[in-house]
N, C-alpha and C. Protein backbone atom coordinates (compact mmCIF):
# COMPACT_ATOMS: atom_id res chain seq x y z
N MET A 1 -11.63 -3.51 44.16
CA MET A 1 -12.43 -2.64 43.32
C MET A 1 -11.53 -1.76 42.45
N LYS A 2 -10.46 -1.23 43.03
CA LYS A 2 -9.56 -0.36 42.27
C LYS A 2 -8.90 -1.13 41.14
N HIS A 3 -8.57 -2.40 41.39
CA HIS A 3 -7.94 -3.21 40.36
C HIS A 3 -8.89 -3.46 39.19
N LEU A 4 -10.16 -3.70 39.52
CA LEU A 4 -11.14 -3.92 38.48
C LEU A 4 -11.33 -2.68 37.62
N LEU A 5 -11.36 -1.51 38.24
CA LEU A 5 -11.49 -0.26 37.49
C LEU A 5 -10.28 -0.04 36.60
N PHE A 6 -9.12 -0.31 37.11
CA PHE A 6 -7.89 -0.15 36.34
C PHE A 6 -7.89 -1.10 35.13
N ILE A 7 -8.28 -2.35 35.35
CA ILE A 7 -8.33 -3.33 34.26
C ILE A 7 -9.37 -2.90 33.22
N THR A 8 -10.51 -2.36 33.67
CA THR A 8 -11.54 -1.89 32.75
C THR A 8 -11.00 -0.76 31.88
N LEU A 9 -10.32 0.19 32.49
CA LEU A 9 -9.76 1.30 31.71
C LEU A 9 -8.75 0.80 30.68
N ILE A 10 -7.87 -0.09 31.09
CA ILE A 10 -6.88 -0.63 30.15
C ILE A 10 -7.58 -1.35 29.01
N PHE A 11 -8.59 -2.14 29.34
CA PHE A 11 -9.35 -2.87 28.33
C PHE A 11 -9.96 -1.92 27.31
N LEU A 12 -10.57 -0.85 27.78
CA LEU A 12 -11.24 0.08 26.87
C LEU A 12 -10.24 0.84 26.00
N PHE A 13 -9.13 1.26 26.56
CA PHE A 13 -8.14 1.96 25.75
C PHE A 13 -7.50 1.01 24.74
N TRP A 14 -7.36 -0.24 25.12
CA TRP A 14 -6.79 -1.24 24.20
C TRP A 14 -7.73 -1.46 23.02
N GLU A 15 -9.01 -1.41 23.26
CA GLU A 15 -10.00 -1.66 22.24
C GLU A 15 -10.33 -0.41 21.43
N CYS A 16 -9.60 0.65 21.62
CA CYS A 16 -9.88 1.93 20.96
C CYS A 16 -9.88 1.82 19.44
N HIS A 17 -9.12 0.90 18.92
CA HIS A 17 -9.02 0.77 17.47
C HIS A 17 -10.17 -0.03 16.86
N LEU A 18 -10.97 -0.72 17.67
CA LEU A 18 -12.09 -1.49 17.15
C LEU A 18 -13.26 -0.56 16.83
N ASP A 19 -14.25 -1.10 16.10
CA ASP A 19 -15.39 -0.25 15.80
C ASP A 19 -16.25 -0.06 17.05
N ILE A 20 -17.09 0.92 17.02
CA ILE A 20 -17.85 1.36 18.18
C ILE A 20 -18.82 0.27 18.65
N GLN A 21 -19.48 -0.42 17.72
CA GLN A 21 -20.46 -1.43 18.11
C GLN A 21 -19.83 -2.56 18.92
N ASN A 22 -18.67 -3.03 18.51
CA ASN A 22 -17.99 -4.09 19.26
C ASN A 22 -17.66 -3.63 20.67
N VAL A 23 -17.17 -2.44 20.80
CA VAL A 23 -16.79 -1.94 22.13
C VAL A 23 -18.02 -1.77 23.01
N LEU A 24 -19.12 -1.27 22.44
CA LEU A 24 -20.34 -1.12 23.22
C LEU A 24 -20.85 -2.48 23.71
N ARG A 25 -20.81 -3.50 22.83
CA ARG A 25 -21.22 -4.83 23.25
C ARG A 25 -20.33 -5.35 24.37
N LYS A 26 -19.03 -5.13 24.25
CA LYS A 26 -18.12 -5.59 25.29
C LYS A 26 -18.33 -4.84 26.60
N LEU A 27 -18.65 -3.55 26.50
CA LEU A 27 -18.94 -2.78 27.72
C LEU A 27 -20.20 -3.30 28.41
N GLN A 28 -21.23 -3.60 27.62
CA GLN A 28 -22.45 -4.12 28.21
C GLN A 28 -22.20 -5.46 28.88
N HIS A 29 -21.45 -6.32 28.22
CA HIS A 29 -21.11 -7.62 28.80
C HIS A 29 -20.31 -7.44 30.09
N LEU A 30 -19.33 -6.55 30.06
CA LEU A 30 -18.51 -6.30 31.23
C LEU A 30 -19.35 -5.72 32.37
N LYS A 31 -20.29 -4.85 32.05
CA LYS A 31 -21.14 -4.26 33.08
C LYS A 31 -22.03 -5.33 33.71
N ARG A 32 -22.59 -6.24 32.87
CA ARG A 32 -23.41 -7.33 33.41
C ARG A 32 -22.59 -8.22 34.33
N THR A 33 -21.35 -8.52 33.90
CA THR A 33 -20.49 -9.37 34.71
C THR A 33 -20.16 -8.71 36.03
N VAL A 34 -19.84 -7.43 35.99
CA VAL A 34 -19.51 -6.69 37.21
C VAL A 34 -20.74 -6.57 38.10
N SER A 35 -21.92 -6.33 37.50
CA SER A 35 -23.15 -6.20 38.28
C SER A 35 -23.47 -7.50 39.00
N LYS A 36 -23.24 -8.64 38.36
CA LYS A 36 -23.48 -9.93 39.01
C LYS A 36 -22.53 -10.12 40.19
N PHE A 37 -21.32 -9.66 40.03
CA PHE A 37 -20.31 -9.84 41.06
C PHE A 37 -20.59 -8.94 42.26
N PHE A 38 -21.01 -7.68 41.98
CA PHE A 38 -21.29 -6.72 43.04
C PHE A 38 -22.80 -6.55 43.19
N ILE A 39 -23.45 -7.52 43.74
CA ILE A 39 -24.89 -7.44 43.94
C ILE A 39 -25.15 -6.40 45.03
N PRO A 40 -25.91 -5.38 44.71
CA PRO A 40 -26.10 -4.27 45.66
C PRO A 40 -27.05 -4.63 46.81
N PHE A 41 -26.54 -5.28 47.87
CA PHE A 41 -27.33 -5.63 49.03
C PHE A 41 -27.48 -4.45 50.00
N SER A 42 -26.55 -3.55 49.92
CA SER A 42 -26.63 -2.45 50.86
C SER A 42 -26.49 -1.13 50.12
N ILE A 43 -26.65 -0.06 50.85
CA ILE A 43 -26.52 1.28 50.27
C ILE A 43 -25.10 1.48 49.75
N GLU A 44 -24.11 0.96 50.46
CA GLU A 44 -22.71 1.11 50.05
C GLU A 44 -22.47 0.42 48.71
N CYS A 45 -23.06 -0.74 48.54
CA CYS A 45 -22.92 -1.45 47.27
C CYS A 45 -23.59 -0.67 46.14
N ARG A 46 -24.74 -0.06 46.45
CA ARG A 46 -25.42 0.73 45.43
C ARG A 46 -24.58 1.94 45.04
N LYS A 47 -23.94 2.55 46.03
CA LYS A 47 -23.04 3.67 45.72
C LYS A 47 -21.90 3.20 44.83
N SER A 48 -21.39 2.02 45.10
CA SER A 48 -20.31 1.47 44.28
C SER A 48 -20.80 1.22 42.86
N ALA A 49 -22.01 0.70 42.74
CA ALA A 49 -22.57 0.47 41.40
C ALA A 49 -22.75 1.78 40.66
N THR A 50 -23.17 2.83 41.37
CA THR A 50 -23.32 4.15 40.76
C THR A 50 -21.96 4.69 40.32
N ARG A 51 -20.97 4.50 41.15
CA ARG A 51 -19.61 4.93 40.79
C ARG A 51 -19.11 4.17 39.57
N LEU A 52 -19.42 2.88 39.56
CA LEU A 52 -19.00 2.06 38.43
C LEU A 52 -19.68 2.52 37.14
N THR A 53 -20.96 2.86 37.23
CA THR A 53 -21.67 3.37 36.06
C THR A 53 -21.04 4.68 35.59
N LYS A 54 -20.72 5.56 36.53
CA LYS A 54 -20.06 6.82 36.16
C LYS A 54 -18.71 6.56 35.52
N LEU A 55 -17.99 5.56 36.02
CA LEU A 55 -16.71 5.21 35.43
C LEU A 55 -16.88 4.72 34.00
N PHE A 56 -17.92 3.90 33.77
CA PHE A 56 -18.19 3.42 32.41
C PHE A 56 -18.49 4.58 31.48
N ILE A 57 -19.29 5.51 31.92
CA ILE A 57 -19.63 6.67 31.08
C ILE A 57 -18.39 7.50 30.79
N THR A 58 -17.57 7.74 31.80
CA THR A 58 -16.33 8.51 31.60
C THR A 58 -15.39 7.79 30.64
N THR A 59 -15.26 6.49 30.82
CA THR A 59 -14.39 5.71 29.94
C THR A 59 -14.93 5.73 28.51
N LEU A 60 -16.24 5.64 28.39
CA LEU A 60 -16.86 5.70 27.07
C LEU A 60 -16.58 7.04 26.39
N LEU A 61 -16.62 8.12 27.15
CA LEU A 61 -16.29 9.43 26.59
C LEU A 61 -14.84 9.48 26.11
N PHE A 62 -13.93 8.90 26.89
CA PHE A 62 -12.54 8.83 26.45
C PHE A 62 -12.43 8.04 25.15
N PHE A 63 -13.19 6.97 25.07
CA PHE A 63 -13.17 6.14 23.87
C PHE A 63 -13.64 6.93 22.65
N PHE A 64 -14.75 7.65 22.80
CA PHE A 64 -15.25 8.44 21.67
C PHE A 64 -14.28 9.54 21.28
N ALA A 65 -13.61 10.11 22.25
CA ALA A 65 -12.60 11.12 21.93
C ALA A 65 -11.48 10.49 21.12
N CYS A 66 -11.10 9.29 21.46
CA CYS A 66 -10.05 8.59 20.72
C CYS A 66 -10.51 8.31 19.30
N ARG A 67 -11.75 7.87 19.12
CA ARG A 67 -12.27 7.54 17.79
C ARG A 67 -12.37 8.77 16.91
N THR A 68 -12.76 9.91 17.44
CA THR A 68 -12.87 11.10 16.60
C THR A 68 -11.50 11.58 16.16
N ASP A 69 -10.47 11.38 16.98
CA ASP A 69 -9.12 11.75 16.54
C ASP A 69 -8.71 10.92 15.34
N GLN A 70 -9.04 9.64 15.33
CA GLN A 70 -8.69 8.79 14.20
C GLN A 70 -9.51 9.16 12.98
N ALA A 71 -10.76 9.54 13.16
CA ALA A 71 -11.62 9.84 12.03
C ALA A 71 -11.23 11.15 11.35
N THR A 72 -10.59 12.07 12.04
CA THR A 72 -10.25 13.35 11.44
C THR A 72 -8.92 13.32 10.70
N GLN A 73 -8.21 12.20 10.70
CA GLN A 73 -6.96 12.14 9.97
C GLN A 73 -7.25 12.18 8.47
N PRO A 74 -6.48 12.95 7.70
CA PRO A 74 -6.75 13.05 6.28
C PRO A 74 -6.46 11.73 5.55
N VAL A 75 -7.22 11.50 4.48
CA VAL A 75 -7.02 10.31 3.67
C VAL A 75 -5.78 10.53 2.80
N GLN A 76 -4.91 9.56 2.78
CA GLN A 76 -3.67 9.66 2.03
C GLN A 76 -3.96 9.55 0.53
N GLN A 77 -3.50 10.54 -0.25
CA GLN A 77 -3.66 10.51 -1.69
C GLN A 77 -2.49 9.76 -2.31
N SER A 78 -2.74 9.18 -3.49
CA SER A 78 -1.64 8.59 -4.24
C SER A 78 -0.80 9.74 -4.79
N PRO A 79 0.47 9.49 -5.11
CA PRO A 79 1.30 10.57 -5.67
C PRO A 79 0.69 11.19 -6.93
N TYR A 80 0.11 10.36 -7.79
CA TYR A 80 -0.50 10.87 -9.01
C TYR A 80 -1.68 11.79 -8.69
N GLU A 81 -2.54 11.39 -7.74
CA GLU A 81 -3.67 12.23 -7.32
C GLU A 81 -3.17 13.53 -6.70
N GLN A 82 -2.10 13.44 -5.90
CA GLN A 82 -1.53 14.63 -5.28
C GLN A 82 -1.03 15.59 -6.36
N TRP A 83 -0.32 15.08 -7.36
CA TRP A 83 0.20 15.91 -8.44
C TRP A 83 -0.95 16.55 -9.23
N LYS A 84 -1.96 15.75 -9.58
CA LYS A 84 -3.08 16.26 -10.38
C LYS A 84 -3.90 17.29 -9.59
N SER A 85 -4.02 17.10 -8.28
CA SER A 85 -4.82 18.04 -7.48
C SER A 85 -4.19 19.43 -7.44
N LEU A 86 -2.89 19.53 -7.64
CA LEU A 86 -2.22 20.83 -7.65
C LEU A 86 -2.46 21.60 -8.94
N ASN A 87 -2.84 20.89 -10.01
CA ASN A 87 -3.15 21.50 -11.31
C ASN A 87 -2.03 22.42 -11.81
N ILE A 88 -0.81 21.93 -11.74
CA ILE A 88 0.35 22.69 -12.20
C ILE A 88 0.51 22.43 -13.70
N ARG A 89 0.30 23.45 -14.51
CA ARG A 89 0.37 23.31 -15.97
C ARG A 89 1.64 23.94 -16.55
N HIS A 90 2.18 24.95 -15.90
CA HIS A 90 3.37 25.65 -16.39
C HIS A 90 4.44 25.55 -15.32
N TYR A 91 5.55 24.90 -15.64
CA TYR A 91 6.59 24.71 -14.63
C TYR A 91 7.95 24.54 -15.30
N THR A 92 8.98 24.68 -14.49
CA THR A 92 10.36 24.43 -14.88
C THR A 92 10.91 23.38 -13.93
N VAL A 93 11.66 22.44 -14.47
CA VAL A 93 12.18 21.35 -13.66
C VAL A 93 13.55 20.94 -14.20
N ASN A 94 14.42 20.47 -13.32
CA ASN A 94 15.70 19.91 -13.76
C ASN A 94 15.51 18.41 -13.93
N GLN A 95 16.11 17.88 -15.02
CA GLN A 95 15.98 16.45 -15.27
C GLN A 95 17.29 15.89 -15.77
N LEU A 96 17.61 14.73 -15.26
CA LEU A 96 18.82 14.00 -15.64
C LEU A 96 18.38 12.68 -16.22
N TYR A 97 18.84 12.38 -17.44
CA TYR A 97 18.50 11.15 -18.13
C TYR A 97 19.74 10.28 -18.14
N ARG A 98 19.62 9.07 -17.60
CA ARG A 98 20.77 8.16 -17.56
C ARG A 98 20.45 6.89 -18.32
N CYS A 99 21.38 6.52 -19.18
CA CYS A 99 21.29 5.26 -19.89
C CYS A 99 22.69 4.92 -20.41
N TYR A 100 22.80 3.81 -21.05
CA TYR A 100 24.08 3.42 -21.64
C TYR A 100 24.09 3.92 -23.08
N CYS A 101 24.21 5.27 -23.23
CA CYS A 101 24.14 5.89 -24.55
C CYS A 101 24.90 7.21 -24.54
N ILE A 102 25.15 7.75 -25.72
CA ILE A 102 25.90 9.00 -25.87
C ILE A 102 25.04 10.16 -25.39
N GLY A 103 25.67 11.06 -24.64
CA GLY A 103 25.00 12.27 -24.19
C GLY A 103 24.15 12.11 -22.94
N ALA A 104 24.13 10.94 -22.37
CA ALA A 104 23.33 10.73 -21.16
C ALA A 104 24.11 11.23 -19.94
N GLY A 105 23.41 11.54 -18.89
CA GLY A 105 24.04 11.96 -17.65
C GLY A 105 24.28 13.45 -17.54
N VAL A 106 23.68 14.24 -18.44
CA VAL A 106 23.84 15.69 -18.41
C VAL A 106 22.54 16.29 -17.86
N PRO A 107 22.60 17.01 -16.74
CA PRO A 107 21.37 17.61 -16.20
C PRO A 107 20.89 18.76 -17.07
N MET A 108 19.59 18.71 -17.38
CA MET A 108 18.99 19.73 -18.24
C MET A 108 17.82 20.38 -17.52
N GLN A 109 17.53 21.62 -17.90
CA GLN A 109 16.39 22.34 -17.36
C GLN A 109 15.29 22.32 -18.40
N LEU A 110 14.12 21.81 -18.02
CA LEU A 110 12.98 21.73 -18.93
C LEU A 110 11.97 22.80 -18.57
N THR A 111 11.47 23.52 -19.56
CA THR A 111 10.38 24.46 -19.37
C THR A 111 9.16 23.84 -20.02
N VAL A 112 8.10 23.64 -19.23
CA VAL A 112 6.92 22.91 -19.68
C VAL A 112 5.70 23.80 -19.59
N CYS A 113 4.90 23.80 -20.66
CA CYS A 113 3.62 24.50 -20.69
C CYS A 113 2.57 23.52 -21.19
N SER A 114 1.54 23.27 -20.39
CA SER A 114 0.44 22.36 -20.75
C SER A 114 0.95 21.02 -21.25
N ASP A 115 1.82 20.39 -20.50
CA ASP A 115 2.39 19.07 -20.78
C ASP A 115 3.17 19.00 -22.11
N THR A 116 3.69 20.14 -22.54
CA THR A 116 4.54 20.19 -23.73
C THR A 116 5.85 20.86 -23.35
N ILE A 117 6.95 20.21 -23.70
CA ILE A 117 8.26 20.81 -23.41
C ILE A 117 8.51 21.93 -24.39
N MET A 118 8.66 23.15 -23.87
CA MET A 118 8.86 24.32 -24.70
C MET A 118 10.35 24.60 -24.91
N GLN A 119 11.17 24.26 -23.89
CA GLN A 119 12.59 24.58 -23.97
C GLN A 119 13.39 23.58 -23.13
N VAL A 120 14.55 23.17 -23.67
CA VAL A 120 15.49 22.30 -22.96
C VAL A 120 16.84 23.00 -22.99
N THR A 121 17.35 23.36 -21.82
CA THR A 121 18.65 24.02 -21.72
C THR A 121 19.49 23.32 -20.67
N PRO A 122 20.82 23.33 -20.85
CA PRO A 122 21.67 22.69 -19.84
C PRO A 122 21.63 23.46 -18.52
N CYS A 123 21.67 22.75 -17.42
CA CYS A 123 21.72 23.39 -16.10
C CYS A 123 23.06 24.08 -15.89
N ASN A 124 24.09 23.55 -16.53
CA ASN A 124 25.43 24.11 -16.44
C ASN A 124 25.75 24.77 -17.80
N ASP A 125 26.06 26.06 -17.80
CA ASP A 125 26.29 26.81 -19.05
C ASP A 125 27.49 26.30 -19.84
N SER A 126 28.41 25.63 -19.20
CA SER A 126 29.63 25.20 -19.90
C SER A 126 29.44 23.90 -20.68
N ILE A 127 28.26 23.30 -20.63
CA ILE A 127 28.02 22.03 -21.31
C ILE A 127 27.54 22.29 -22.73
N SER A 128 28.10 21.56 -23.68
CA SER A 128 27.67 21.65 -25.07
C SER A 128 26.45 20.76 -25.26
N THR A 129 25.46 21.24 -25.98
CA THR A 129 24.23 20.49 -26.21
C THR A 129 24.23 19.78 -27.56
N GLN A 130 25.36 19.72 -28.23
CA GLN A 130 25.40 19.12 -29.57
C GLN A 130 25.06 17.63 -29.53
N THR A 131 25.52 16.90 -28.54
CA THR A 131 25.29 15.45 -28.49
C THR A 131 24.07 15.08 -27.66
N ILE A 132 23.34 16.06 -27.16
CA ILE A 132 22.20 15.78 -26.30
C ILE A 132 20.91 15.93 -27.10
N SER A 133 20.09 14.89 -27.10
CA SER A 133 18.81 14.91 -27.79
C SER A 133 17.73 15.36 -26.83
N ALA A 134 17.02 16.41 -27.20
CA ALA A 134 15.95 16.93 -26.35
C ALA A 134 14.79 15.94 -26.27
N ARG A 135 14.69 15.01 -27.21
CA ARG A 135 13.59 14.04 -27.21
C ARG A 135 13.69 13.04 -26.06
N ARG A 136 14.84 12.92 -25.45
CA ARG A 136 15.01 11.98 -24.33
C ARG A 136 14.31 12.47 -23.06
N PHE A 137 14.13 13.74 -22.95
CA PHE A 137 13.56 14.32 -21.73
C PHE A 137 12.04 14.36 -21.85
N ILE A 138 11.37 14.11 -20.73
CA ILE A 138 9.91 14.03 -20.76
C ILE A 138 9.31 14.81 -19.59
N THR A 139 8.05 15.15 -19.74
CA THR A 139 7.34 15.93 -18.73
C THR A 139 6.97 15.04 -17.54
N ILE A 140 6.52 15.66 -16.48
CA ILE A 140 6.11 14.91 -15.29
C ILE A 140 4.89 14.05 -15.60
N ASP A 141 3.93 14.59 -16.35
CA ASP A 141 2.77 13.78 -16.73
C ASP A 141 3.19 12.58 -17.56
N SER A 142 4.18 12.76 -18.44
CA SER A 142 4.68 11.64 -19.24
C SER A 142 5.40 10.61 -18.37
N LEU A 143 6.06 11.06 -17.31
CA LEU A 143 6.67 10.11 -16.37
C LEU A 143 5.59 9.25 -15.72
N PHE A 144 4.50 9.87 -15.31
CA PHE A 144 3.40 9.10 -14.72
C PHE A 144 2.83 8.11 -15.74
N LYS A 145 2.66 8.54 -16.99
CA LYS A 145 2.15 7.64 -18.04
C LYS A 145 3.10 6.47 -18.23
N MET A 146 4.40 6.73 -18.19
CA MET A 146 5.40 5.67 -18.34
C MET A 146 5.29 4.67 -17.19
N ILE A 147 5.12 5.17 -15.99
CA ILE A 147 5.00 4.31 -14.82
C ILE A 147 3.74 3.44 -14.93
N GLN A 148 2.62 4.03 -15.37
CA GLN A 148 1.35 3.32 -15.45
C GLN A 148 1.27 2.38 -16.64
N SER A 149 2.12 2.56 -17.66
CA SER A 149 2.05 1.74 -18.86
C SER A 149 2.50 0.31 -18.64
N ARG A 150 3.39 0.10 -17.69
CA ARG A 150 3.94 -1.22 -17.35
C ARG A 150 4.67 -1.87 -18.53
N ASN A 151 5.30 -1.07 -19.38
CA ASN A 151 6.10 -1.58 -20.49
C ASN A 151 7.55 -1.76 -20.05
N TYR A 152 7.77 -2.55 -19.04
CA TYR A 152 9.11 -2.77 -18.49
C TYR A 152 9.08 -4.05 -17.67
N ASP A 153 10.28 -4.58 -17.42
CA ASP A 153 10.37 -5.78 -16.57
C ASP A 153 10.28 -5.41 -15.09
N SER A 154 10.94 -4.33 -14.71
CA SER A 154 10.89 -3.88 -13.31
C SER A 154 11.08 -2.37 -13.29
N ILE A 155 10.67 -1.78 -12.17
CA ILE A 155 10.76 -0.33 -12.04
C ILE A 155 10.92 0.02 -10.56
N GLU A 156 11.68 1.07 -10.29
CA GLU A 156 11.82 1.63 -8.96
C GLU A 156 11.49 3.11 -9.06
N VAL A 157 10.55 3.56 -8.24
CA VAL A 157 10.09 4.95 -8.30
C VAL A 157 10.18 5.58 -6.91
N THR A 158 10.71 6.80 -6.87
CA THR A 158 10.72 7.60 -5.64
C THR A 158 9.96 8.88 -5.94
N TYR A 159 8.95 9.18 -5.09
CA TYR A 159 8.10 10.35 -5.32
C TYR A 159 8.48 11.50 -4.41
N ASN A 160 8.26 12.72 -4.90
CA ASN A 160 8.46 13.92 -4.10
C ASN A 160 7.34 14.00 -3.07
N VAL A 161 7.70 14.19 -1.82
CA VAL A 161 6.73 14.19 -0.73
C VAL A 161 5.79 15.39 -0.81
N GLN A 162 6.32 16.54 -1.16
CA GLN A 162 5.53 17.78 -1.14
C GLN A 162 4.56 17.87 -2.32
N TYR A 163 5.00 17.52 -3.53
CA TYR A 163 4.18 17.71 -4.72
C TYR A 163 3.71 16.41 -5.36
N GLY A 164 4.30 15.28 -5.02
CA GLY A 164 3.84 13.99 -5.52
C GLY A 164 4.43 13.56 -6.86
N TYR A 165 5.25 14.37 -7.49
CA TYR A 165 5.80 13.98 -8.79
C TYR A 165 6.93 12.95 -8.62
N PRO A 166 7.18 12.13 -9.64
CA PRO A 166 8.24 11.12 -9.54
C PRO A 166 9.62 11.79 -9.61
N GLN A 167 10.39 11.71 -8.55
CA GLN A 167 11.73 12.28 -8.55
C GLN A 167 12.72 11.35 -9.23
N ILE A 168 12.58 10.06 -8.96
CA ILE A 168 13.46 9.07 -9.60
C ILE A 168 12.59 7.98 -10.19
N VAL A 169 12.76 7.74 -11.48
CA VAL A 169 12.11 6.63 -12.16
C VAL A 169 13.23 5.80 -12.76
N ASP A 170 13.42 4.62 -12.23
CA ASP A 170 14.50 3.73 -12.65
C ASP A 170 13.87 2.51 -13.31
N ILE A 171 13.93 2.46 -14.64
CA ILE A 171 13.30 1.40 -15.40
C ILE A 171 14.33 0.30 -15.68
N ASP A 172 13.98 -0.92 -15.34
CA ASP A 172 14.86 -2.08 -15.50
C ASP A 172 16.25 -1.81 -14.94
N PRO A 173 16.35 -1.51 -13.64
CA PRO A 173 17.65 -1.18 -13.04
C PRO A 173 18.65 -2.34 -13.11
N GLN A 174 18.18 -3.58 -13.24
CA GLN A 174 19.10 -4.71 -13.34
C GLN A 174 19.89 -4.69 -14.65
N ASN A 175 19.46 -3.89 -15.63
CA ASN A 175 20.15 -3.82 -16.92
C ASN A 175 21.10 -2.65 -17.05
N HIS A 176 21.33 -1.87 -15.98
CA HIS A 176 22.18 -0.69 -16.09
C HIS A 176 23.61 -0.98 -16.54
N PRO A 177 24.25 -2.01 -16.07
CA PRO A 177 25.63 -2.21 -16.54
C PRO A 177 25.70 -2.50 -18.04
N ARG A 178 24.63 -3.02 -18.59
CA ARG A 178 24.58 -3.30 -20.03
C ARG A 178 23.68 -2.27 -20.70
N ASP A 179 23.51 -2.44 -21.98
CA ASP A 179 22.61 -1.57 -22.73
C ASP A 179 21.19 -1.95 -22.38
N GLY A 180 20.51 -1.18 -21.56
CA GLY A 180 19.17 -1.58 -21.18
C GLY A 180 18.43 -0.59 -20.34
N GLY A 181 18.78 -0.49 -19.07
CA GLY A 181 18.01 0.32 -18.14
C GLY A 181 18.07 1.80 -18.42
N ILE A 182 16.99 2.48 -18.03
CA ILE A 182 16.89 3.94 -18.18
C ILE A 182 16.52 4.51 -16.81
N ARG A 183 17.09 5.66 -16.51
CA ARG A 183 16.81 6.30 -15.22
C ARG A 183 16.56 7.79 -15.46
N TYR A 184 15.43 8.28 -14.94
CA TYR A 184 15.11 9.71 -14.97
C TYR A 184 15.21 10.24 -13.55
N GLU A 185 15.93 11.31 -13.36
CA GLU A 185 16.03 11.99 -12.07
C GLU A 185 15.49 13.40 -12.27
N THR A 186 14.39 13.70 -11.63
CA THR A 186 13.70 14.98 -11.79
C THR A 186 13.73 15.71 -10.45
N SER A 187 14.10 17.00 -10.51
CA SER A 187 14.23 17.75 -9.25
C SER A 187 14.00 19.24 -9.51
N ASN A 188 14.02 19.98 -8.42
CA ASN A 188 13.98 21.46 -8.44
C ASN A 188 12.76 21.99 -9.21
N LEU A 189 11.59 21.52 -8.85
CA LEU A 189 10.35 21.97 -9.49
C LEU A 189 10.08 23.43 -9.13
N ARG A 190 9.82 24.24 -10.14
CA ARG A 190 9.44 25.64 -9.97
C ARG A 190 8.23 25.89 -10.87
N PHE A 191 7.20 26.51 -10.33
CA PHE A 191 6.01 26.74 -11.15
C PHE A 191 5.47 28.13 -10.93
N GLN A 192 4.67 28.60 -11.91
CA GLN A 192 4.07 29.94 -11.84
C GLN A 192 2.68 29.84 -11.28
């Protein structure tokens, strides 16, 4: 009897990930099978059947507790949805633009208001901005548009876990040694 109860408990916990209807059907089937095996001819057998019923109810309660824990887990948002849900319109971010071109590889600080770059300044004061084009740098929303446009052969994207913005956008990385690939590295987000 103890072995059967142990096997029943293992079975129910194993089935915790299935939907409730399947588990209830399996419990009813298991109860019918057990009832046929333990035909209550005596008072002792009836007590055993009552104990078995109580065990089924207890196990069922454990099952429902398991299911509610799974149901309360939050739904995972996409990085774009996560970024948009924060509604950050005014922010400062550091961005590094890499390509096979003049002036690339210099980290710049972008000040953005309503998806418009208001100011581009070097992160390091000793860097000259004469050879750096501010048009190369883009906002976080523009990075998302670039990712969604699919105007590239391949792309590798790494998103910020906390805010969802693209930290690294590497477009056509197979072309980096030649004139081709572009890489944006965005970090140090600060917002008002």
